[in-house]
């Protein structure tokens, strides 16, 4: 498998323990969900809009780094609008991922 190949047979599951998952969900609620300015439903996930500040860029990069470790089935996309405009985060995945994402954010 090359580096550009997307693995699509990963299970729709978080690898954290129940206790760690509870802590992680609280952390996401306190640090990430509070900044969502708009949500757009996509065919295979959701797009969330955040403020365009450097602080939010850093928070979202940390969020992605952490989530990539435990939710390996998700695809993460960040887009930065010009002139410090909004940042959009797209979370996408295979069938069943949308339901999982709604529990996360």
N, C-alpha and C. Protein backbone atom coordinates (compact mmCIF):
# COMPACT_ATOMS: atom_id res chain seq x y z
N UNK A 1 0.85 -1.17 0.00
CA UNK A 1 0.00 0.00 0.00
C UNK A 1 0.90 1.23 0.00
N UNK A 2 0.65 2.16 -0.91
CA UNK A 2 1.45 3.38 -0.97
C UNK A 2 0.94 4.40 0.03
N UNK A 3 1.72 5.46 0.24
CA UNK A 3 1.35 6.51 1.19
C UNK A 3 0.10 7.25 0.77
N UNK A 4 -0.25 7.23 -0.51
CA UNK A 4 -1.41 7.96 -0.99
C UNK A 4 -2.68 7.12 -0.98
N UNK A 5 -2.57 5.85 -0.65
CA UNK A 5 -3.73 4.97 -0.61
C UNK A 5 -4.48 5.18 0.70
N UNK A 6 -5.79 5.34 0.60
CA UNK A 6 -6.62 5.51 1.79
C UNK A 6 -7.15 4.16 2.21
N UNK A 7 -6.92 3.79 3.45
CA UNK A 7 -7.41 2.52 3.98
C UNK A 7 -8.87 2.69 4.37
N UNK A 8 -9.74 1.89 3.80
CA UNK A 8 -11.17 2.07 4.02
C UNK A 8 -11.81 0.96 4.84
N UNK A 9 -11.03 -0.01 5.28
CA UNK A 9 -11.61 -1.13 6.02
C UNK A 9 -11.38 -1.05 7.53
N UNK A 10 -11.10 0.15 8.01
CA UNK A 10 -10.90 0.33 9.45
C UNK A 10 -12.24 0.33 10.16
N UNK A 11 -12.33 -0.23 11.36
CA UNK A 11 -13.60 -0.23 12.09
C UNK A 11 -13.98 1.17 12.56
N UNK A 12 -15.30 1.44 12.60
CA UNK A 12 -15.82 2.70 13.11
C UNK A 12 -15.84 2.58 14.63
N UNK A 13 -14.71 2.88 15.24
CA UNK A 13 -14.59 2.73 16.69
C UNK A 13 -13.42 3.56 17.19
N UNK A 14 -13.56 4.00 18.42
CA UNK A 14 -12.50 4.72 19.11
C UNK A 14 -11.70 3.71 19.92
N UNK A 15 -10.39 3.83 19.90
CA UNK A 15 -9.55 2.87 20.62
C UNK A 15 -9.33 3.22 22.09
N UNK A 16 -9.91 4.32 22.57
CA UNK A 16 -9.76 4.70 23.97
C UNK A 16 -10.60 3.81 24.88
N UNK A 17 -10.15 3.65 26.11
CA UNK A 17 -10.95 2.94 27.11
C UNK A 17 -12.19 3.78 27.43
N UNK A 18 -13.18 3.19 28.05
CA UNK A 18 -14.42 3.91 28.38
C UNK A 18 -14.12 5.14 29.24
N UNK A 19 -13.24 4.98 30.23
CA UNK A 19 -12.88 6.10 31.11
C UNK A 19 -12.17 7.20 30.32
N UNK A 20 -11.17 6.81 29.51
CA UNK A 20 -10.43 7.79 28.72
C UNK A 20 -11.34 8.47 27.69
N UNK A 21 -12.28 7.72 27.13
CA UNK A 21 -13.21 8.29 26.16
C UNK A 21 -14.10 9.34 26.82
N UNK A 22 -14.56 9.07 28.02
CA UNK A 22 -15.38 10.04 28.76
C UNK A 22 -14.59 11.32 29.00
N UNK A 23 -13.34 11.17 29.44
CA UNK A 23 -12.48 12.34 29.65
C UNK A 23 -12.24 13.09 28.34
N UNK A 24 -12.02 12.35 27.26
CA UNK A 24 -11.75 12.98 25.96
C UNK A 24 -12.97 13.74 25.46
N UNK A 25 -14.14 13.17 25.62
CA UNK A 25 -15.37 13.84 25.16
C UNK A 25 -15.58 15.14 25.95
N UNK A 26 -15.29 15.13 27.24
CA UNK A 26 -15.41 16.34 28.05
C UNK A 26 -14.41 17.40 27.58
N UNK A 27 -13.21 16.95 27.27
CA UNK A 27 -12.17 17.86 26.77
C UNK A 27 -12.59 18.48 25.43
N UNK A 28 -13.12 17.66 24.53
CA UNK A 28 -13.59 18.17 23.24
C UNK A 28 -14.73 19.16 23.45
N UNK A 29 -15.64 18.83 24.34
CA UNK A 29 -16.76 19.72 24.61
C UNK A 29 -16.28 21.07 25.13
N UNK A 30 -15.32 21.06 26.04
CA UNK A 30 -14.83 22.29 26.65
C UNK A 30 -13.91 23.10 25.73
N UNK A 31 -13.11 22.42 24.92
CA UNK A 31 -12.08 23.12 24.16
C UNK A 31 -12.39 23.30 22.68
N UNK A 32 -13.19 22.46 22.09
CA UNK A 32 -13.41 22.52 20.65
C UNK A 32 -14.85 22.88 20.31
N UNK A 33 -15.80 22.17 20.86
CA UNK A 33 -17.21 22.38 20.50
C UNK A 33 -17.67 23.81 20.76
N UNK A 34 -17.11 24.43 21.78
CA UNK A 34 -17.51 25.80 22.13
C UNK A 34 -17.18 26.81 21.03
N UNK A 35 -16.25 26.48 20.16
CA UNK A 35 -15.86 27.42 19.10
C UNK A 35 -16.57 27.24 17.78
N UNK A 36 -17.41 26.22 17.67
CA UNK A 36 -18.10 25.96 16.40
C UNK A 36 -19.06 27.11 16.10
N UNK A 37 -18.85 27.75 14.95
CA UNK A 37 -19.71 28.86 14.52
C UNK A 37 -20.81 28.40 13.56
N UNK A 38 -20.53 27.32 12.83
CA UNK A 38 -21.51 26.78 11.89
C UNK A 38 -21.18 25.31 11.63
N UNK A 39 -22.20 24.55 11.32
CA UNK A 39 -22.04 23.13 10.99
C UNK A 39 -22.76 22.86 9.68
N UNK A 40 -22.08 22.16 8.78
CA UNK A 40 -22.66 21.78 7.50
C UNK A 40 -22.57 20.27 7.37
N UNK A 41 -23.70 19.65 7.08
CA UNK A 41 -23.70 18.20 6.88
C UNK A 41 -23.16 17.88 5.49
N UNK A 42 -22.27 16.91 5.41
CA UNK A 42 -21.71 16.42 4.15
C UNK A 42 -22.22 15.01 3.91
N UNK A 43 -22.06 14.51 2.72
CA UNK A 43 -22.52 13.16 2.40
C UNK A 43 -21.85 12.12 3.28
N UNK A 44 -20.58 12.35 3.61
CA UNK A 44 -19.81 11.36 4.37
C UNK A 44 -19.26 11.91 5.69
N UNK A 45 -19.86 12.99 6.20
CA UNK A 45 -19.39 13.56 7.46
C UNK A 45 -19.96 14.94 7.71
N UNK A 46 -19.14 15.80 8.31
CA UNK A 46 -19.58 17.15 8.65
C UNK A 46 -18.44 18.14 8.44
N UNK A 47 -18.83 19.39 8.21
CA UNK A 47 -17.88 20.50 8.15
C UNK A 47 -18.23 21.47 9.27
N UNK A 48 -17.24 21.83 10.06
CA UNK A 48 -17.41 22.74 11.18
C UNK A 48 -16.60 24.00 10.91
N UNK A 49 -17.21 25.17 11.16
CA UNK A 49 -16.52 26.44 10.96
C UNK A 49 -16.14 27.02 12.32
N UNK A 50 -14.89 27.48 12.40
CA UNK A 50 -14.33 28.03 13.62
C UNK A 50 -13.77 29.43 13.34
N UNK A 51 -13.53 30.21 14.40
CA UNK A 51 -12.87 31.51 14.21
C UNK A 51 -11.51 31.32 13.53
N UNK A 52 -11.04 32.35 12.84
CA UNK A 52 -9.80 32.25 12.08
C UNK A 52 -8.54 32.62 12.82
N UNK A 53 -8.56 32.68 14.12
CA UNK A 53 -7.39 33.11 14.90
C UNK A 53 -6.32 32.03 14.94
N UNK A 54 -5.10 32.46 15.23
CA UNK A 54 -3.99 31.52 15.40
C UNK A 54 -4.25 30.57 16.57
N UNK A 55 -4.91 31.07 17.61
CA UNK A 55 -5.25 30.23 18.76
C UNK A 55 -6.13 29.06 18.33
N UNK A 56 -7.15 29.35 17.51
CA UNK A 56 -8.03 28.27 17.04
C UNK A 56 -7.30 27.33 16.09
N UNK A 57 -6.41 27.86 15.27
CA UNK A 57 -5.63 27.00 14.38
C UNK A 57 -4.82 26.00 15.21
N UNK A 58 -4.18 26.49 16.27
CA UNK A 58 -3.38 25.61 17.13
C UNK A 58 -4.25 24.58 17.83
N UNK A 59 -5.40 25.00 18.37
CA UNK A 59 -6.31 24.06 19.04
C UNK A 59 -6.77 22.95 18.10
N UNK A 60 -7.11 23.34 16.87
CA UNK A 60 -7.61 22.36 15.91
C UNK A 60 -6.52 21.39 15.47
N UNK A 61 -5.30 21.87 15.35
CA UNK A 61 -4.21 20.97 14.99
C UNK A 61 -3.94 19.96 16.11
N UNK A 62 -4.00 20.39 17.35
CA UNK A 62 -3.83 19.47 18.49
C UNK A 62 -4.98 18.46 18.50
N UNK A 63 -6.21 18.94 18.28
CA UNK A 63 -7.38 18.06 18.22
C UNK A 63 -7.18 16.96 17.17
N UNK A 64 -6.77 17.37 15.98
CA UNK A 64 -6.57 16.39 14.89
C UNK A 64 -5.47 15.40 15.26
N UNK A 65 -4.38 15.90 15.79
CA UNK A 65 -3.27 15.01 16.17
C UNK A 65 -3.73 13.96 17.17
N UNK A 66 -4.52 14.36 18.15
CA UNK A 66 -5.00 13.42 19.16
C UNK A 66 -6.03 12.45 18.57
N UNK A 67 -6.96 12.97 17.78
CA UNK A 67 -8.01 12.12 17.24
C UNK A 67 -7.50 11.11 16.22
N UNK A 68 -6.46 11.46 15.49
CA UNK A 68 -5.88 10.52 14.52
C UNK A 68 -5.34 9.27 15.20
N UNK A 69 -4.97 9.38 16.47
CA UNK A 69 -4.43 8.24 17.20
C UNK A 69 -5.52 7.25 17.60
N UNK A 70 -6.70 7.75 17.96
CA UNK A 70 -7.73 6.86 18.51
C UNK A 70 -8.89 6.61 17.54
N UNK A 71 -9.10 7.47 16.59
CA UNK A 71 -10.20 7.32 15.61
C UNK A 71 -9.59 7.25 14.22
N UNK A 72 -8.92 6.17 13.96
CA UNK A 72 -8.10 6.02 12.75
C UNK A 72 -8.91 5.98 11.46
N UNK A 73 -10.21 5.77 11.54
CA UNK A 73 -11.07 5.66 10.36
C UNK A 73 -11.45 7.03 9.79
N UNK A 74 -11.24 8.11 10.54
CA UNK A 74 -11.66 9.44 10.11
C UNK A 74 -10.63 10.10 9.19
N UNK A 75 -11.14 10.90 8.27
CA UNK A 75 -10.32 11.78 7.45
C UNK A 75 -10.53 13.19 7.97
N UNK A 76 -9.44 13.92 8.17
CA UNK A 76 -9.48 15.28 8.70
C UNK A 76 -8.99 16.23 7.62
N UNK A 77 -9.73 17.31 7.40
CA UNK A 77 -9.34 18.34 6.43
C UNK A 77 -9.50 19.70 7.09
N UNK A 78 -8.45 20.52 7.03
CA UNK A 78 -8.52 21.89 7.52
C UNK A 78 -8.38 22.83 6.34
N UNK A 79 -9.21 23.88 6.33
CA UNK A 79 -9.11 24.92 5.30
C UNK A 79 -9.08 26.26 6.00
N UNK A 80 -8.16 27.11 5.58
CA UNK A 80 -7.98 28.44 6.17
C UNK A 80 -8.39 29.49 5.15
N UNK A 81 -9.42 30.28 5.46
CA UNK A 81 -9.86 31.35 4.57
C UNK A 81 -8.82 32.47 4.56
N UNK A 82 -8.75 33.23 3.48
CA UNK A 82 -7.79 34.33 3.42
C UNK A 82 -8.06 35.40 4.48
N UNK A 83 -7.03 36.20 4.75
CA UNK A 83 -7.11 37.36 5.62
C UNK A 83 -7.63 37.01 7.01
N UNK A 84 -7.11 35.92 7.58
CA UNK A 84 -7.50 35.46 8.93
C UNK A 84 -8.99 35.15 9.04
N UNK A 85 -9.60 34.78 7.90
CA UNK A 85 -11.01 34.40 7.90
C UNK A 85 -11.21 33.08 8.61
N UNK A 86 -12.43 32.57 8.59
CA UNK A 86 -12.76 31.34 9.33
C UNK A 86 -11.91 30.13 8.91
N UNK A 87 -11.79 29.23 9.85
CA UNK A 87 -11.13 27.94 9.61
C UNK A 87 -12.23 26.90 9.53
N UNK A 88 -12.18 26.05 8.51
CA UNK A 88 -13.16 24.97 8.43
C UNK A 88 -12.44 23.64 8.67
N UNK A 89 -13.09 22.81 9.45
CA UNK A 89 -12.62 21.46 9.73
C UNK A 89 -13.65 20.50 9.18
N UNK A 90 -13.22 19.64 8.27
CA UNK A 90 -14.09 18.60 7.74
C UNK A 90 -13.67 17.27 8.34
N UNK A 91 -14.65 16.59 8.91
CA UNK A 91 -14.46 15.24 9.43
C UNK A 91 -15.27 14.32 8.54
N UNK A 92 -14.60 13.36 7.92
CA UNK A 92 -15.25 12.45 6.99
C UNK A 92 -14.83 11.03 7.28
N UNK A 93 -15.66 10.11 6.80
CA UNK A 93 -15.32 8.71 6.98
C UNK A 93 -16.27 7.81 6.23
N UNK A 94 -16.08 6.51 6.39
CA UNK A 94 -16.93 5.53 5.72
C UNK A 94 -18.33 5.51 6.34
N UNK A 95 -19.18 4.69 5.78
CA UNK A 95 -20.55 4.56 6.29
C UNK A 95 -20.53 4.30 7.79
N UNK A 96 -21.34 5.04 8.52
CA UNK A 96 -21.40 4.93 9.97
C UNK A 96 -20.58 6.00 10.68
N UNK A 97 -19.69 6.66 9.96
CA UNK A 97 -18.84 7.67 10.58
C UNK A 97 -19.63 8.91 10.99
N UNK A 98 -20.65 9.28 10.21
CA UNK A 98 -21.43 10.48 10.55
C UNK A 98 -22.07 10.34 11.92
N UNK A 99 -22.61 9.19 12.22
CA UNK A 99 -23.24 8.97 13.51
C UNK A 99 -22.20 9.09 14.63
N UNK A 100 -21.01 8.57 14.36
CA UNK A 100 -19.93 8.66 15.35
C UNK A 100 -19.53 10.12 15.57
N UNK A 101 -19.42 10.88 14.50
CA UNK A 101 -19.01 12.28 14.59
C UNK A 101 -20.01 13.09 15.41
N UNK A 102 -21.30 12.80 15.25
CA UNK A 102 -22.30 13.56 16.00
C UNK A 102 -22.15 13.35 17.50
N UNK A 103 -21.66 12.21 17.92
CA UNK A 103 -21.42 12.00 19.35
C UNK A 103 -20.18 12.73 19.83
N UNK A 104 -19.26 12.99 18.90
CA UNK A 104 -18.00 13.63 19.25
C UNK A 104 -18.15 15.14 19.38
N UNK A 105 -18.78 15.78 18.40
CA UNK A 105 -18.91 17.24 18.41
C UNK A 105 -20.37 17.58 18.51
